[in-house]
Amino acid sequence: MALAVQAIENAYYRPVLGTNPAHPNDWPVRLIVSSQTEARHNRALWAPTHLVSIRAPATRLLSMIDLPPERHLELRFGDTIDPDAPDAARPAAIEATFAFIDSLPEEAHLLIHCLRGIGRSTALTLGVLARYMGPEEAAAALHALRPEAKPNRHVLGLFDAALGLKGKLAKQALRFPAKVWKD
């Protein structure tokens, strides 16, 4: 019950979709995408109910938001675009993301962050959005959330493969960063 009350009171998370029958729990995609520093500094203000943290292997999170493990997905991969790099994202990270997203309750407020909030977290956000809307609409929604985004193309390639989009997300990444979004 406290989760639902907190979710209703938090105005920082505007739903991207009014309704989302494609999600198992009708989650309307309420999320913020940020850097690790922004997440740490705004944790009380933003008060996420769920968190996705992306960090490079052999690094640690610095005094992050305290949530139970079932509400905090930690992914470990670097910001490389070389799929053969030892720290490159793997399909398992995309599968884990989808499983985590599918478990979100309707009232969830999701915060997705990586170190700088530019490459990995924005690519993950774009991939999540593309599950519920076309690649162009997903890119426009990401721009509204994070105009300075520069989504990691390798991560988007993994989402393209998982979603059967044949490179459409990676193509959208070329439109970032953009001060003004042009349809």
C-alpha atoms as a PDB file:
ATOM      1  CA  MET A   1       0.000   0.000   0.000  1.00  0.00           C
ATOM      2  CA  ALA A   2       2.830   2.448   0.849  1.00  0.00           C
ATOM      3  CA  LEU A   3       4.326   1.794  -2.594  1.00  0.00           C
ATOM      4  CA  ALA A   4       1.076   2.802  -4.289  1.00  0.00           C
ATOM      5  CA  VAL A   5       0.700   5.970  -2.191  1.00  0.00           C
ATOM      6  CA  GLN A   6       4.312   6.970  -2.870  1.00  0.00           C
ATOM      7  CA  ALA A   7       3.845   6.342  -6.597  1.00  0.00           C
ATOM      8  CA  ILE A   8       0.719   8.508  -6.784  1.00  0.00           C
ATOM      9  CA  GLU A   9       2.441  11.381  -4.967  1.00  0.00           C
ATOM     10  CA  ASN A  10       5.622  11.437  -7.116  1.00  0.00           C
ATOM     11  CA  ALA A  11       5.165  13.950  -9.936  1.00  0.00           C
ATOM     12  CA  TYR A  12       8.665  13.434 -11.389  1.00  0.00           C
ATOM     13  CA  TYR A  13       7.589  10.293 -13.224  1.00  0.00           C
ATOM     14  CA  ARG A  14       5.196  11.154 -16.013  1.00  0.00           C
ATOM     15  CA  PRO A  15       3.846   8.060 -17.769  1.00  0.00           C
ATOM     16  CA  VAL A  16       5.165   7.698 -21.306  1.00  0.00           C
ATOM     17  CA  LEU A  17       2.034   5.712 -22.171  1.00  0.00           C
ATOM     18  CA  GLY A  18      -1.429   6.350 -20.779  1.00  0.00           C
ATOM     19  CA  THR A  19      -2.176   2.653 -20.704  1.00  0.00           C
ATOM     20  CA  ASN A  20       0.066  -0.248 -21.565  1.00  0.00           C
ATOM     21  CA  PRO A  21      -1.805  -3.494 -22.202  1.00  0.00           C
ATOM     22  CA  ALA A  22       1.428  -4.945 -23.662  1.00  0.00           C
ATOM     23  CA  HIS A  23       2.979  -5.039 -20.169  1.00  0.00           C
ATOM     24  CA  PRO A  24       2.008  -7.964 -17.891  1.00  0.00           C
ATOM     25  CA  ASN A  25       0.979  -5.533 -15.117  1.00  0.00           C
ATOM     26  CA  ASP A  26      -0.100  -2.601 -17.349  1.00  0.00           C
ATOM     27  CA  TRP A  27       2.965  -0.534 -16.302  1.00  0.00           C
ATOM     28  CA  PRO A  28       2.598   2.799 -18.193  1.00  0.00           C
ATOM     29  CA  VAL A  29       6.389   3.320 -18.459  1.00  0.00           C
ATOM     30  CA  ARG A  30       7.091   5.791 -15.671  1.00  0.00           C
ATOM     31  CA  LEU A  31      10.840   6.321 -15.650  1.00  0.00           C
ATOM     32  CA  ILE A  32      13.759   8.665 -15.253  1.00  0.00           C
ATOM     33  CA  VAL A  33      17.122   8.073 -16.921  1.00  0.00           C
ATOM     34  CA  SER A  34      20.178   9.689 -15.336  1.00  0.00           C
ATOM     35  CA  SER A  35      23.823   9.526 -14.387  1.00  0.00           C
ATOM     36  CA  GLN A  36      24.982   7.811 -11.214  1.00  0.00           C
ATOM     37  CA  THR A  37      25.740  11.204  -9.657  1.00  0.00           C
ATOM     38  CA  GLU A  38      22.285  12.582 -10.504  1.00  0.00           C
ATOM     39  CA  ALA A  39      20.680   9.427  -9.092  1.00  0.00           C
ATOM     40  CA  ARG A  40      22.633   9.749  -5.851  1.00  0.00           C
ATOM     41  CA  HIS A  41      21.945  13.470  -5.433  1.00  0.00           C
ATOM     42  CA  ASN A  42      18.233  13.216  -6.281  1.00  0.00           C
ATOM     43  CA  ARG A  43      17.420   9.895  -4.618  1.00  0.00           C
ATOM     44  CA  ALA A  44      15.216  11.435  -1.921  1.00  0.00           C
ATOM     45  CA  LEU A  45      13.480  13.795  -4.348  1.00  0.00           C
ATOM     46  CA  TRP A  46      12.915  11.211  -7.090  1.00  0.00           C
ATOM     47  CA  ALA A  47      12.214   8.334  -4.663  1.00  0.00           C
ATOM     48  CA  PRO A  48      12.205   5.542  -7.238  1.00  0.00           C
ATOM     49  CA  THR A  49      10.377   2.366  -6.354  1.00  0.00           C
ATOM     50  CA  HIS A  50      12.600   0.345  -8.725  1.00  0.00           C
ATOM     51  CA  LEU A  51      16.136   0.830  -9.983  1.00  0.00           C
ATOM     52  CA  VAL A  52      18.343  -0.391 -12.829  1.00  0.00           C
ATOM     53  CA  SER A  53      22.038   0.321 -12.267  1.00  0.00           C
ATOM     54  CA  ILE A  54      24.530  -0.228 -15.073  1.00  0.00           C
ATOM     55  CA  ARG A  55      28.193  -0.241 -14.227  1.00  0.00           C
ATOM     56  CA  ALA A  56      31.390  -1.481 -15.744  1.00  0.00           C
ATOM     57  CA  PRO A  57      32.832  -4.740 -14.405  1.00  0.00           C
ATOM     58  CA  ALA A  58      35.224  -4.289 -11.463  1.00  0.00           C
ATOM     59  CA  THR A  59      33.625  -0.978 -10.439  1.00  0.00           C
ATOM     60  CA  ARG A  60      31.234  -0.330  -7.597  1.00  0.00           C
ATOM     61  CA  LEU A  61      28.149   1.760  -7.004  1.00  0.00           C
ATOM     62  CA  LEU A  62      28.691   4.677  -4.668  1.00  0.00           C
ATOM     63  CA  SER A  63      26.081   4.934  -1.897  1.00  0.00           C
ATOM     64  CA  MET A  64      23.172   4.220  -4.171  1.00  0.00           C
ATOM     65  CA  ILE A  65      19.480   4.094  -3.397  1.00  0.00           C
ATOM     66  CA  ASP A  66      18.668   1.432  -0.846  1.00  0.00           C
ATOM     67  CA  LEU A  67      16.076  -0.919  -2.312  1.00  0.00           C
ATOM     68  CA  PRO A  68      15.482  -4.634  -1.769  1.00  0.00           C
ATOM     69  CA  PRO A  69      17.237  -6.862  -4.348  1.00  0.00           C
ATOM     70  CA  GLU A  70      13.989  -7.729  -6.113  1.00  0.00           C
ATOM     71  CA  ARG A  71      13.546  -4.021  -6.917  1.00  0.00           C
ATOM     72  CA  HIS A  72      17.140  -3.324  -8.001  1.00  0.00           C
ATOM     73  CA  LEU A  73      18.587  -4.818 -11.165  1.00  0.00           C
ATOM     74  CA  GLU A  74      22.373  -4.456 -11.378  1.00  0.00           C
ATOM     75  CA  LEU A  75      23.866  -4.923 -14.830  1.00  0.00           C
ATOM     76  CA  ARG A  76      27.622  -5.063 -15.385  1.00  0.00           C
ATOM     77  CA  PHE A  77      28.974  -4.105 -18.782  1.00  0.00           C
ATOM     78  CA  GLY A  78      31.137  -1.336 -20.200  1.00  0.00           C
ATOM     79  CA  ASP A  79      30.258   1.447 -22.606  1.00  0.00           C
ATOM     80  CA  THR A  80      32.082  -0.174 -25.503  1.00  0.00           C
ATOM     81  CA  ILE A  81      30.609  -0.493 -28.972  1.00  0.00           C
ATOM     82  CA  ASP A  82      32.951  -3.394 -29.791  1.00  0.00           C
ATOM     83  CA  PRO A  83      30.878  -6.590 -29.368  1.00  0.00           C
ATOM     84  CA  ASP A  84      34.076  -8.602 -28.900  1.00  0.00           C
ATOM     85  CA  ALA A  85      35.395  -6.486 -26.026  1.00  0.00           C
ATOM     86  CA  PRO A  86      35.582  -8.434 -22.761  1.00  0.00           C
ATOM     87  CA  ASP A  87      33.315  -5.933 -20.993  1.00  0.00           C
ATOM     88  CA  ALA A  88      30.752  -5.590 -23.829  1.00  0.00           C
ATOM     89  CA  ALA A  89      27.077  -6.056 -23.072  1.00  0.00           C
ATOM     90  CA  ARG A  90      25.746  -9.547 -23.785  1.00  0.00           C
ATOM     91  CA  PRO A  91      22.268 -10.807 -24.679  1.00  0.00           C
ATOM     92  CA  ALA A  92      21.845 -11.994 -21.077  1.00  0.00           C
ATOM     93  CA  ALA A  93      21.722  -8.339 -19.954  1.00  0.00           C
ATOM     94  CA  ILE A  94      18.829  -7.676 -22.333  1.00  0.00           C
ATOM     95  CA  GLU A  95      17.006 -10.805 -21.149  1.00  0.00           C
ATOM     96  CA  ALA A  96      17.519  -9.776 -17.496  1.00  0.00           C
ATOM     97  CA  THR A  97      16.212  -6.295 -18.300  1.00  0.00           C
ATOM     98  CA  PHE A  98      13.078  -7.655 -19.952  1.00  0.00           C
ATOM     99  CA  ALA A  99      12.435 -10.006 -17.005  1.00  0.00           C
ATOM    100  CA  PHE A 100      12.866  -7.127 -14.549  1.00  0.00           C
ATOM    101  CA  ILE A 101      10.629  -4.781 -16.562  1.00  0.00           C
ATOM    102  CA  ASP A 102       7.968  -7.490 -16.856  1.00  0.00           C
ATOM    103  CA  SER A 103       7.891  -7.796 -13.049  1.00  0.00           C
ATOM    104  CA  LEU A 104       7.210  -4.095 -12.452  1.00  0.00           C
ATOM    105  CA  PRO A 105       3.867  -3.329 -10.841  1.00  0.00           C
ATOM    106  CA  GLU A 106       1.580  -0.822 -12.537  1.00  0.00           C
ATOM    107  CA  GLU A 107       2.498   1.925 -10.052  1.00  0.00           C
ATOM    108  CA  ALA A 108       6.296   1.458 -10.398  1.00  0.00           C
ATOM    109  CA  HIS A 109       8.603   4.455 -10.721  1.00  0.00           C
ATOM    110  CA  LEU A 110      11.740   3.231 -12.449  1.00  0.00           C
ATOM    111  CA  LEU A 111      15.100   4.975 -12.362  1.00  0.00           C
ATOM    112  CA  ILE A 112      17.681   3.758 -14.901  1.00  0.00           C
ATOM    113  CA  HIS A 113      21.240   5.015 -14.534  1.00  0.00           C
ATOM    114  CA  CYS A 114      24.784   4.379 -15.678  1.00  0.00           C
ATOM    115  CA  LEU A 115      27.899   6.337 -14.805  1.00  0.00           C
ATOM    116  CA  ARG A 116      27.272   9.366 -17.038  1.00  0.00           C
ATOM    117  CA  GLY A 117      23.635   8.823 -18.063  1.00  0.00           C
ATOM    118  CA  ILE A 118      24.511   9.226 -21.718  1.00  0.00           C
ATOM    119  CA  GLY A 119      25.308   5.876 -23.405  1.00  0.00           C
ATOM    120  CA  ARG A 120      24.369   2.646 -21.658  1.00  0.00           C
ATOM    121  CA  SER A 121      21.366   3.849 -19.650  1.00  0.00           C
ATOM    122  CA  THR A 122      19.874   5.694 -22.598  1.00  0.00           C
ATOM    123  CA  ALA A 123      20.363   2.652 -24.862  1.00  0.00           C
ATOM    124  CA  LEU A 124      18.660   0.470 -22.260  1.00  0.00           C
ATOM    125  CA  THR A 125      15.823   2.979 -21.972  1.00  0.00           C
ATOM    126  CA  LEU A 126      15.399   3.139 -25.750  1.00  0.00           C
ATOM    127  CA  GLY A 127      15.280  -0.668 -25.897  1.00  0.00           C
ATOM    128  CA  VAL A 128      12.660  -0.805 -23.145  1.00  0.00           C
ATOM    129  CA  LEU A 129      10.558   1.864 -24.882  1.00  0.00           C
ATOM    130  CA  ALA A 130      10.803  -0.015 -28.183  1.00  0.00           C
ATOM    131  CA  ARG A 131       8.948  -2.958 -26.624  1.00  0.00           C
ATOM    132  CA  TYR A 132       5.843  -0.763 -26.419  1.00  0.00           C
ATOM    133  CA  MET A 133       6.088   1.567 -29.427  1.00  0.00           C
ATOM    134  CA  GLY A 134       7.800   1.857 -32.780  1.00  0.00           C
ATOM    135  CA  PRO A 135      11.506   2.756 -32.948  1.00  0.00           C
ATOM    136  CA  GLU A 136      10.823   6.324 -34.091  1.00  0.00           C
ATOM    137  CA  GLU A 137       8.312   6.967 -31.302  1.00  0.00           C
ATOM    138  CA  ALA A 138      10.651   5.335 -28.786  1.00  0.00           C
ATOM    139  CA  ALA A 139      13.496   7.625 -29.888  1.00  0.00           C
ATOM    140  CA  ALA A 140      11.247  10.693 -29.584  1.00  0.00           C
ATOM    141  CA  ALA A 141      10.198   9.569 -26.090  1.00  0.00           C
ATOM    142  CA  LEU A 142      13.841   9.058 -25.086  1.00  0.00           C
ATOM    143  CA  HIS A 143      14.684  12.528 -26.368  1.00  0.00           C
ATOM    144  CA  ALA A 144      11.913  13.966 -24.196  1.00  0.00           C
ATOM    145  CA  LEU A 145      13.418  12.139 -21.203  1.00  0.00           C
ATOM    146  CA  ARG A 146      17.114  12.764 -21.970  1.00  0.00           C
ATOM    147  CA  PRO A 147      17.934  15.080 -24.923  1.00  0.00           C
ATOM    148  CA  GLU A 148      21.687  14.730 -24.325  1.00  0.00           C
ATOM    149  CA  ALA A 149      21.446  10.974 -24.875  1.00  0.00           C
ATOM    150  CA  LYS A 150      23.968   9.221 -27.066  1.00  0.00           C
ATOM    151  CA  PRO A 151      22.691   5.622 -26.888  1.00  0.00           C
ATOM    152  CA  ASN A 152      25.317   2.897 -27.059  1.00  0.00           C
ATOM    153  CA  ARG A 153      24.959   1.330 -30.513  1.00  0.00           C
ATOM    154  CA  HIS A 154      26.155  -2.112 -29.426  1.00  0.00           C
ATOM    155  CA  VAL A 155      23.496  -2.290 -26.703  1.00  0.00           C
ATOM    156  CA  LEU A 156      20.908  -1.147 -29.238  1.00  0.00           C
ATOM    157  CA  GLY A 157      22.092  -3.873 -31.606  1.00  0.00           C
ATOM    158  CA  LEU A 158      21.301  -6.417 -28.885  1.00  0.00           C
ATOM    159  CA  PHE A 159      17.831  -4.907 -28.457  1.00  0.00           C
ATOM    160  CA  ASP A 160      17.355  -4.857 -32.242  1.00  0.00           C
ATOM    161  CA  ALA A 161      18.102  -8.593 -32.318  1.00  0.00           C
ATOM    162  CA  ALA A 162      15.935  -9.397 -29.286  1.00  0.00           C
ATOM    163  CA  LEU A 163      12.979  -7.421 -30.640  1.00  0.00           C
ATOM    164  CA  GLY A 164      13.430  -8.403 -34.297  1.00  0.00           C
ATOM    165  CA  LEU A 165      13.837  -4.763 -35.382  1.00  0.00           C
ATOM    166  CA  LYS A 166      16.610  -5.362 -37.958  1.00  0.00           C
ATOM    167  CA  GLY A 167      18.791  -2.383 -37.013  1.00  0.00           C
ATOM    168  CA  LYS A 168      16.015   0.188 -36.618  1.00  0.00           C
ATOM    169  CA  LEU A 169      17.013   1.097 -33.052  1.00  0.00           C
ATOM    170  CA  ALA A 170      20.694   1.433 -33.939  1.00  0.00           C
ATOM    171  CA  LYS A 171      19.626   3.722 -36.790  1.00  0.00           C
ATOM    172  CA  GLN A 172      17.673   5.896 -34.340  1.00  0.00           C
ATOM    173  CA  ALA A 173      20.804   6.238 -32.185  1.00  0.00           C
ATOM    174  CA  LEU A 174      22.394   8.254 -34.980  1.00  0.00           C
ATOM    175  CA  ARG A 175      19.857  11.016 -34.308  1.00  0.00           C
ATOM    176  CA  PHE A 176      21.304  11.688 -30.823  1.00  0.00           C
ATOM    177  CA  PRO A 177      22.273  13.927 -29.147  1.00  0.00           C
ATOM    178  CA  ALA A 178      19.810  16.522 -30.354  1.00  0.00           C
ATOM    179  CA  LYS A 179      18.771  19.825 -28.813  1.00  0.00           C
ATOM    180  CA  VAL A 180      15.542  19.786 -30.840  1.00  0.00           C
ATOM    181  CA  TRP A 181      13.811  16.605 -31.949  1.00  0.00           C
ATOM    182  CA  LYS A 182      12.727  16.545 -35.581  1.00  0.00           C
ATOM    183  CA  ASP A 183      10.131  13.988 -36.656  1.00  0.00           C
END
